[in-house]
Protein backbone atom coordinates (compact mmCIF):
# COMPACT_ATOMS: atom_id res chain seq x y z
CA MET A 1 271.62 28.29 88.31
CA TYR A 2 275.19 28.80 89.47
CA PRO A 3 275.90 31.92 91.49
CA LYS A 4 277.87 34.58 89.57
CA SER A 5 280.97 34.15 91.73
CA LEU A 6 281.10 30.41 90.96
CA LEU A 7 280.66 31.01 87.24
CA THR A 8 283.48 33.55 87.32
CA PHE A 9 285.68 31.05 89.14
CA LEU A 10 284.94 28.25 86.68
CA PHE A 11 285.52 30.63 83.74
CA SER A 12 288.88 31.65 85.19
CA ILE A 13 289.88 28.03 85.75
CA PHE A 14 289.18 27.22 82.10
CA PHE A 15 291.32 30.00 80.67
CA ILE A 16 294.13 29.71 83.20
CA THR A 17 294.34 26.04 82.31
CA ILE A 18 294.75 26.92 78.63
CA LEU A 19 297.37 29.49 79.53
CA HIS A 20 299.59 26.89 81.16
CA ALA A 21 299.94 25.03 77.92
CA GLN A 22 302.51 27.51 76.64
CA TRP A 23 303.06 30.75 78.60
CA GLN A 24 304.91 30.37 81.89
CA PRO A 25 305.45 33.21 84.39
CA SER A 26 309.00 34.40 84.95
CA GLY A 27 310.05 36.86 87.62
CA LEU A 28 307.07 36.96 89.96
CA ASP A 29 306.90 40.31 91.78
CA LEU A 30 309.67 41.50 89.52
CA LEU A 31 308.52 45.14 89.68
CA PRO A 32 306.61 47.33 92.13
CA ASP A 33 302.82 47.22 91.94
CA THR A 34 301.08 49.25 89.22
CA GLN A 35 304.08 49.15 86.89
CA ARG A 36 303.48 48.66 83.18
CA VAL A 37 305.98 46.83 80.99
CA ALA A 38 306.37 49.37 78.21
CA SER A 39 308.88 47.68 75.92
CA ILE A 40 311.17 44.65 75.74
CA SER A 41 314.26 43.77 73.73
CA VAL A 42 315.13 40.10 73.19
CA LEU A 43 318.79 39.72 72.18
CA ASN A 44 319.27 35.97 72.18
CA GLU A 45 318.21 32.82 74.01
CA ASP A 46 319.55 34.13 77.31
CA VAL A 47 319.45 37.94 77.32
CA VAL A 48 316.24 39.98 77.58
CA TRP A 49 315.94 43.67 78.50
CA GLY A 50 312.75 45.47 79.54
CA ILE A 51 311.53 48.80 80.88
CA SER A 52 308.44 49.81 82.82
CA TYR A 53 306.79 52.82 84.38
CA TYR A 54 303.85 53.64 86.62
CA ASP A 55 300.73 52.49 84.78
CA ARG A 56 298.64 55.53 85.74
CA THR A 57 301.16 58.28 84.96
CA PRO A 58 299.36 61.56 84.13
CA ALA A 59 300.65 64.28 81.79
CA PRO A 60 302.91 66.03 82.51
CA VAL A 61 304.85 63.31 84.33
CA PRO A 62 305.19 64.06 88.07
CA SER A 63 308.76 64.96 89.04
CA SER A 64 308.87 62.06 91.51
CA THR A 65 308.13 59.40 88.86
CA ILE A 66 310.94 56.87 88.37
CA PRO A 67 310.97 54.29 85.55
CA TRP A 68 312.52 50.84 86.02
CA VAL A 69 314.77 48.63 83.93
CA PHE A 70 315.03 44.85 84.26
CA ARG A 71 317.28 42.29 82.63
CA THR A 72 317.96 38.56 82.54
CA ILE A 73 321.08 36.88 81.17
CA ASP A 74 320.03 33.29 81.89
CA ASN A 75 316.74 32.87 80.02
CA GLY A 76 314.62 34.20 82.88
CA GLU A 77 315.96 32.07 85.71
CA GLU A 78 317.05 35.24 87.53
CA TRP A 79 316.38 38.93 86.93
CA GLU A 80 318.17 42.14 87.87
CA VAL A 81 315.95 45.18 88.45
CA TYR A 82 317.06 48.81 88.85
CA PRO A 83 315.29 52.17 89.16
CA ILE A 84 316.47 54.62 86.50
CA ILE A 85 317.17 57.54 88.82
CA GLU A 86 318.73 59.58 86.03
CA ALA A 87 315.36 59.64 84.20
CA GLU A 88 313.34 60.79 87.23
CA GLY A 89 310.31 62.79 86.14
CA ARG A 90 309.98 60.88 82.86
CA ILE A 91 308.55 57.65 81.56
CA CYS A 92 310.52 55.25 79.36
CA GLN A 93 308.94 54.43 76.02
CA ASP A 94 311.36 52.04 74.32
CA ILE A 95 314.48 49.99 75.03
CA PHE A 96 317.06 48.54 72.65
CA GLY A 97 319.64 46.11 73.98
CA ILE A 98 323.10 46.12 72.40
CA ASN A 99 324.55 43.27 74.47
CA ASP A 100 324.19 41.85 77.98
CA SER A 101 325.55 45.03 79.61
CA THR A 102 324.73 47.85 77.17
CA ALA A 103 321.31 49.21 76.25
CA TRP A 104 319.52 52.40 75.14
CA ILE A 105 316.18 53.83 76.28
CA THR A 106 313.92 56.62 75.06
CA THR A 107 312.33 58.92 77.65
CA ASN A 108 309.36 61.26 77.63
CA GLY A 109 307.91 63.81 80.04
CA LEU A 110 304.53 63.65 78.23
CA THR A 111 304.55 67.34 77.34
CA SER A 112 305.17 68.83 73.93
CA ASP A 113 308.60 70.29 74.53
CA SER A 114 310.35 68.82 77.55
CA LEU A 115 312.17 65.84 79.01
CA ARG A 116 312.58 63.86 75.83
CA GLY A 117 315.90 62.21 75.26
CA LEU A 118 318.05 59.10 74.86
CA PHE A 119 319.91 57.41 77.70
CA LYS A 120 322.59 54.72 77.57
CA THR A 121 323.83 52.20 80.12
CA THR A 122 327.06 50.20 79.91
CA ASP A 123 326.87 48.58 83.36
CA SER A 124 323.79 46.36 82.99
CA GLY A 125 321.30 49.10 83.91
CA LYS A 126 322.81 50.23 87.20
CA SER A 127 323.55 53.73 85.87
CA TRP A 128 322.52 55.75 82.81
CA THR A 129 323.92 58.70 80.84
CA GLU A 130 321.83 61.01 78.68
CA LYS A 131 323.32 61.05 75.19
CA PHE A 132 320.67 63.06 73.33
CA ASP A 133 318.26 65.77 74.48
CA GLY A 134 315.53 66.43 71.95
CA ALA A 135 312.02 65.65 70.75
CA ALA A 136 313.12 62.68 68.62
CA GLY A 137 314.27 60.90 71.79
CA GLY A 138 310.78 60.35 73.13
CA GLY A 139 309.56 57.37 71.08
CA PHE A 140 311.27 54.52 69.16
CA ILE A 141 314.92 53.58 69.00
CA HIS A 142 316.73 51.04 66.82
CA PHE A 143 320.34 50.23 65.96
CA PHE A 144 321.11 48.61 62.61
CA ASP A 145 324.66 47.71 63.60
CA ASP A 146 327.35 48.77 66.06
CA THR A 147 327.55 52.31 64.69
CA SER A 148 324.29 53.22 62.93
CA GLY A 149 321.06 53.91 64.82
CA ILE A 150 317.84 55.94 64.59
CA ALA A 151 315.33 57.44 67.03
CA ILE A 152 311.85 58.69 66.11
CA HIS A 153 309.08 60.52 67.94
CA ASP A 154 306.06 62.38 66.53
CA HIS A 155 307.36 64.25 63.45
CA PHE A 156 311.00 64.15 64.51
CA MET A 157 314.00 61.93 63.76
CA THR A 158 317.61 61.76 64.80
CA HIS A 159 320.37 59.33 63.85
CA THR A 160 323.89 58.34 64.80
CA ILE A 161 326.78 56.91 62.80
CA ASP A 162 329.24 56.58 65.69
CA GLY A 163 327.45 54.20 68.05
CA GLY A 164 325.43 56.93 69.76
CA GLU A 165 328.19 59.25 70.92
CA ASN A 166 326.73 61.93 68.66
CA TRP A 167 323.22 62.29 67.28
CA GLN A 168 322.17 64.47 64.35
CA ASN A 169 318.85 65.40 62.83
CA LEU A 170 318.04 63.50 59.66
CA SER A 171 317.08 65.33 56.49
CA PRO A 172 314.27 66.13 56.15
CA PHE A 173 314.06 67.01 59.83
CA GLU A 174 310.35 66.26 60.05
CA LEU A 175 308.61 63.12 58.90
CA PRO A 176 306.02 63.50 56.11
CA LEU A 177 303.00 63.43 58.41
CA GLY A 178 299.74 65.35 58.05
CA ILE A 179 297.93 67.63 60.46
CA SER A 180 297.28 65.93 63.82
CA GLU A 181 299.08 62.85 62.49
CA THR A 182 301.67 61.15 64.67
CA SER A 183 302.91 57.70 65.53
CA PHE A 184 301.05 55.74 68.20
CA TYR A 185 301.80 52.56 70.11
CA THR A 186 300.91 50.51 73.12
CA ALA A 187 304.37 48.95 73.22
CA ALA A 188 307.15 50.69 71.32
CA ASN A 189 308.94 47.48 70.35
CA ASN A 190 305.75 46.38 68.56
CA ALA A 191 305.27 49.61 66.61
CA LEU A 192 308.47 50.01 64.61
CA ALA A 193 309.01 47.05 62.27
CA ILE A 194 312.45 46.43 60.75
CA ALA A 195 313.73 44.14 57.99
CA GLY A 196 317.33 44.87 57.04
CA ASP A 197 317.59 48.59 56.20
CA THR A 198 313.81 48.99 55.84
CA LEU A 199 311.54 50.41 58.55
CA TRP A 200 307.76 50.70 58.83
CA PHE A 201 305.43 52.25 61.40
CA GLY A 202 301.76 53.23 61.49
CA THR A 203 300.17 56.59 62.21
CA THR A 204 297.08 58.03 63.83
CA ARG A 205 295.61 58.71 60.36
CA GLY A 206 295.59 55.13 59.07
CA HIS A 207 298.83 55.46 57.08
CA VAL A 208 302.05 53.48 57.14
CA LEU A 209 305.40 55.22 56.77
CA ARG A 210 308.22 53.26 55.14
CA SER A 211 311.91 53.97 54.69
CA SER A 212 314.18 51.69 52.67
CA ASP A 213 317.42 53.51 53.55
CA ARG A 214 317.56 53.49 57.36
CA GLY A 215 315.26 56.50 57.76
CA ILE A 216 316.81 59.00 55.38
CA ASN A 217 313.84 59.03 52.98
CA TRP A 218 310.23 58.06 53.71
CA ASN A 219 307.15 57.07 51.71
CA VAL A 220 303.58 57.47 52.94
CA LEU A 221 301.65 54.28 52.18
CA GLU A 222 297.86 54.17 51.94
CA THR A 223 296.00 51.38 53.72
CA PRO A 224 292.36 50.21 53.71
CA PHE A 225 291.91 51.75 57.17
CA GLU A 226 289.88 54.94 57.55
CA ASN A 227 291.60 58.33 57.83
CA ASN A 228 290.89 58.44 61.57
CA ASP A 229 291.93 54.84 62.35
CA VAL A 230 294.90 54.71 64.69
CA ILE A 231 297.47 52.05 63.79
CA ALA A 232 298.76 50.74 67.11
CA SER A 233 301.16 48.03 65.96
CA THR A 234 303.12 47.07 62.85
CA ALA A 235 304.83 43.72 62.32
CA PHE A 236 306.79 42.32 59.36
CA ARG A 237 308.04 38.75 58.95
CA ASN A 238 310.40 39.76 56.12
CA ALA A 239 310.76 42.55 53.58
CA GLN A 240 307.42 41.68 51.95
CA GLU A 241 304.93 40.19 54.39
CA GLY A 242 303.51 42.39 57.13
CA MET A 243 300.48 43.24 59.23
CA ILE A 244 298.96 46.30 60.90
CA ILE A 245 296.21 46.49 63.52
CA SER A 246 293.94 49.26 64.78
CA TYR A 247 291.69 49.35 67.83
CA ALA A 248 291.26 53.13 68.21
CA THR A 249 290.19 56.23 66.29
CA LEU A 250 291.33 59.84 66.29
CA PHE A 251 288.61 62.40 67.08
CA GLN A 252 289.50 66.08 67.50
CA ASP A 253 293.04 65.25 68.65
CA LEU A 254 291.73 62.65 71.13
CA ILE A 255 292.36 58.91 70.90
CA LEU A 256 289.11 56.98 71.39
CA PHE A 257 289.50 53.28 72.12
CA SER A 258 287.08 50.62 70.93
CA ASP A 259 286.41 47.01 71.86
CA SER A 260 287.23 45.65 68.42
CA THR A 261 290.34 45.35 66.26
CA LYS A 262 290.83 45.79 62.52
CA ILE A 263 293.55 43.92 60.63
CA ALA A 264 295.24 44.61 57.30
CA LEU A 265 297.99 42.66 55.54
CA THR A 266 300.56 43.29 52.84
CA PHE A 267 302.52 40.87 50.69
CA ASP A 268 304.57 43.43 48.75
CA GLY A 269 306.39 45.37 51.44
CA GLY A 270 303.52 47.78 52.08
CA ASP A 271 302.88 49.01 48.54
CA THR A 272 299.38 47.53 48.76
CA TRP A 273 297.32 46.35 51.71
CA GLU A 274 294.22 44.20 52.02
CA LEU A 275 291.70 44.34 54.83
CA ALA A 276 291.23 41.01 56.57
CA ASP A 277 287.70 39.75 56.98
CA THR A 278 288.44 39.11 60.64
CA LEU A 279 287.19 41.80 62.99
CA PHE A 280 288.00 40.93 66.58
CA ASP A 281 285.39 41.80 69.16
CA PHE A 282 288.20 42.56 71.61
CA LYS A 283 291.21 44.88 71.63
CA VAL A 284 294.58 43.57 70.48
CA ASN A 285 297.29 45.78 71.98
CA CYS A 286 300.27 44.76 69.89
CA MET A 287 301.47 42.33 67.27
CA THR A 288 304.74 40.54 66.55
CA ALA A 289 306.04 38.19 63.89
CA ILE A 290 307.04 34.63 64.84
CA PRO A 291 310.19 33.51 63.02
CA GLY A 292 310.34 30.00 61.64
CA SER A 293 306.69 29.14 62.28
CA GLU A 294 303.69 28.44 60.08
CA TYR A 295 301.85 30.60 62.57
CA LYS A 296 303.10 33.90 61.26
CA PHE A 297 302.01 36.52 63.79
CA LEU A 298 301.00 36.65 67.42
CA GLY A 299 298.92 39.36 69.07
CA ALA A 300 298.98 40.32 72.74
CA THR A 301 296.04 41.81 74.57
CA ASN A 302 293.84 40.92 77.54
CA GLY A 303 294.18 37.50 76.02
CA LEU A 304 296.52 35.98 73.49
CA SER A 305 295.95 34.98 69.89
CA THR A 306 297.88 33.39 67.05
CA ILE A 307 297.33 33.71 63.35
CA SER A 308 297.44 30.83 60.92
CA THR A 309 298.66 30.80 57.32
CA ASP A 310 295.23 31.65 55.91
CA THR A 311 295.75 35.44 55.66
CA ALA A 312 294.43 36.41 59.08
CA GLN A 313 291.11 34.62 58.84
CA THR A 314 291.74 32.00 61.53
CA TRP A 315 292.89 32.89 65.03
CA GLN A 316 293.22 30.80 68.16
CA HIS A 317 292.66 32.48 71.49
CA PHE A 318 294.80 31.42 74.44
CA SER A 319 294.43 33.38 77.64
CA TYR A 320 292.80 36.22 79.54
CA ARG A 321 295.48 38.07 81.41
CA PRO A 322 296.70 41.60 80.70
CA TYR A 323 299.73 41.50 78.42
CA ASN A 324 301.82 44.17 76.73
CA ALA A 325 305.07 44.17 74.70
CA VAL A 326 305.66 40.85 72.97
CA GLU A 327 308.63 39.51 70.99
CA PHE A 328 309.76 36.12 69.71
CA PHE A 329 313.39 35.13 69.22
CA THR A 330 312.54 31.79 67.61
CA SER A 331 309.38 29.77 67.12
CA GLU A 332 310.20 28.09 70.44
CA LEU A 333 311.16 31.12 72.53
CA GLY A 334 309.16 34.27 73.08
CA TRP A 335 308.52 36.82 75.80
CA VAL A 336 305.61 39.03 76.77
CA GLY A 337 305.26 41.59 79.55
CA ASN A 338 302.40 42.41 81.88
CA SER A 339 300.41 45.64 81.83
CA GLN A 340 297.39 47.12 83.62
CA THR A 341 298.99 45.76 86.74
CA SER A 342 297.46 45.44 90.20
CA VAL A 343 297.87 43.25 93.24
CA ASP A 344 295.94 40.57 91.33
CA PHE A 345 298.30 40.75 88.33
CA PRO A 346 301.84 41.39 89.59
CA ALA A 347 304.17 42.94 87.05
CA ILE A 348 305.99 39.94 85.62
CA MET A 349 307.26 38.54 82.36
CA TYR A 350 305.92 35.43 80.67
CA LYS A 351 308.06 33.06 78.61
CA TRP A 352 306.68 30.96 75.77
CA GLU A 353 307.48 27.28 76.10
CA GLY A 354 306.92 24.99 73.14
CA ILE A 355 307.01 25.32 69.37
CA VAL A 356 304.43 27.69 67.91
CA SER A 357 302.91 25.46 65.26
CA SER A 358 299.70 23.78 64.30
CA ASN A 359 300.91 20.70 66.17
CA ASN A 360 301.13 22.16 69.64
CA SER A 361 300.09 25.80 69.85
CA ILE A 362 296.50 24.78 70.53
CA VAL A 363 295.42 22.61 73.42
CA LYS A 364 294.02 19.71 71.46
CA ASN A 365 292.61 17.35 74.10
CA GLU A 366 293.30 14.54 71.64
CA VAL A 367 293.31 11.80 74.25
CA LYS A 368 290.99 10.98 77.06
CA ILE A 369 292.58 10.43 80.42
CA ASN A 370 291.23 9.51 83.82
CA ILE A 371 292.56 11.04 87.04
CA PHE A 372 291.11 9.81 90.33
CA PRO A 373 290.39 10.50 93.08
CA ASN A 374 289.90 14.21 92.40
CA PRO A 375 289.90 15.87 94.95
CA PHE A 376 292.85 13.86 96.34
CA SER A 377 295.02 14.07 99.44
CA GLU A 378 298.49 12.58 98.89
CA SER A 379 298.47 10.97 95.44
CA PHE A 380 296.23 10.31 92.47
CA GLN A 381 295.88 7.58 89.87
CA PHE A 382 296.55 8.44 86.23
CA GLU A 383 295.10 6.29 83.44
CA MET A 384 294.94 6.53 79.67
CA ASN A 385 293.96 4.19 76.86
CA ILE A 386 296.74 1.71 76.12
CA ILE A 387 296.46 2.38 72.37
CA ASP A 388 296.93 6.14 72.95
CA PHE A 389 299.79 5.47 75.32
CA GLU A 390 301.66 3.32 72.81
CA LYS A 391 300.99 5.88 70.10
CA TYR A 392 302.55 8.79 71.98
CA GLN A 393 305.09 7.12 74.27
CA LYS A 394 307.84 7.29 71.63
CA ASP A 395 307.64 11.10 71.85
CA ASP A 396 308.07 11.14 75.66
CA LEU A 397 304.79 11.51 77.54
CA ILE A 398 305.05 14.08 80.31
CA LEU A 399 302.49 15.27 82.85
CA ASP A 400 303.25 18.79 84.10
CA VAL A 401 301.43 20.31 87.08
CA PHE A 402 301.22 24.05 87.84
CA ASP A 403 299.97 26.10 90.77
CA ILE A 404 297.43 28.93 90.52
CA LEU A 405 300.19 31.44 89.65
CA GLY A 406 301.50 29.31 86.82
CA LYS A 407 304.60 28.00 88.58
CA LYS A 408 305.50 24.46 87.55
CA ILE A 409 305.60 22.35 90.71
CA MET A 410 306.18 18.89 89.24
CA SER A 411 306.88 17.09 85.97
CA GLU A 412 306.25 13.34 85.69
CA ASN A 413 307.68 11.26 82.85
CA LEU A 414 304.97 8.64 82.20
CA ILE A 415 306.33 5.17 81.47
CA SER A 416 303.04 3.30 81.84
CA ALA A 417 299.43 3.80 80.80
CA GLN A 418 298.54 3.52 84.50
CA SER A 419 300.56 5.36 87.14
CA ASN A 420 300.15 6.24 90.78
CA ILE A 421 301.54 9.78 91.08
CA GLN A 422 302.73 11.15 94.41
CA PHE A 423 302.01 14.84 94.83
CA PRO A 424 304.60 17.20 96.37
CA SER A 425 304.10 18.85 99.74
CA THR A 426 302.18 21.95 98.72
CA PRO A 427 299.19 23.91 100.12
CA ASN A 428 295.62 22.78 99.53
CA GLY A 429 293.92 24.29 96.51
CA VAL A 430 293.40 24.13 92.76
CA TYR A 431 296.23 22.95 90.50
CA PHE A 432 296.44 22.48 86.73
CA TYR A 433 297.88 19.69 84.67
CA SER A 434 299.06 19.48 81.07
CA LEU A 435 299.69 16.16 79.32
CA LYS A 436 302.17 16.70 76.51
CA THR A 437 304.80 15.20 74.26
CA LYS A 438 307.77 16.98 72.76
CA ASN A 439 305.57 17.77 69.74
CA SER A 440 302.08 18.47 71.06
CA ILE A 441 299.72 19.27 73.92
CA LEU A 442 297.36 16.30 74.30
CA SER A 443 295.13 17.21 77.20
CA ASN A 444 294.84 19.44 80.24
CA GLY A 445 292.55 20.02 83.19
CA ASN A 446 292.49 20.83 86.88
CA LEU A 447 293.23 19.00 90.11
CA MET A 448 291.96 19.67 93.62
CA LEU A 449 294.31 18.98 96.54
CA HIS A 450 292.64 18.56 99.93
CA ARG A 451 294.74 16.94 102.63
């Protein structure tokens, strides 16, 4: 029998190998230890904003607590990181990027009546100005266009029609929520779903609230969830097709977390919902829609899953690292942040590489390859069946190799079914390879370097 430590190591190797097929780390050591990525905002192929705060912040928030903002304008090649001194004593719940230099955040002191408000930056996050001081500024924020925006927290709403220079309470002032019923989220950008002028979000009583006029009027939608099921994430692909998930229940004003996740879907904008047969035996933190993909939704948790077109019945699991706050810009570009951070899991972002589709979102191991010697010292021999090679060569066969942290250290374009591959000058240890084409992942595994 293998010792427990060896089994754990082999288990980790297996799942880290799968991880490298698509998610690649970006911004190692981007934030201080124990920071949690609370929300992200993906503007385009180059610009991504994010916020984080101390992962173990108690309530009320200590006066010395400082949240952080980070931003890339070159698709994650480089990041700028700044402490938000102006929001000292608060945590940041949500961020909405306007352009590469302007963004909004919501802040919360985690008490019922203090330190909730909206801040704006126009200098890429270096400095912030509080534009709204009120309860509605502690949760979600969204701008529909250059002038019109909305912020929501608990029962409260506020909106702007002048780009955020002035904020006013919407009528009715309070959302139509019941006793002990509020919004809840793990990542704010995965809780408020938007399609055009329509918004949806879930509550701690298993309901979905929907507004079709930018938050002026709201409908309470019934779901197949129980009255004490907490909806943690809401995602819509368009005005009709959406999903909600729940992994917690409300008990005497306390949120109790479970190790399973319920799923419900709608195909009529939320008027009716159906409970999926799938019941995960693990917690899914948040959900996002994937534009332009037959895989419609993707969930982030201590592991990663995708959903197929068969109404949530088939999921493929990808990885076992702590993730939080996920968003896709296209089917080929997505981002997810780290949470539950520690020295073992530095607070970083991960970027999705490769089309999310049935062709390449799953490591298929379609072809058998031979790599020897393994362990190796300076180089190794790569071999694959000549029939397989000729089949896939037209799509550009590439062998990528990653280190233990997921950093790509080499990429070899294979022009022959047999190749002697020189390894770069790197430390001894375990490395991971992925054999791929431009359309699919064919095989992956691990390498052992011992000079």
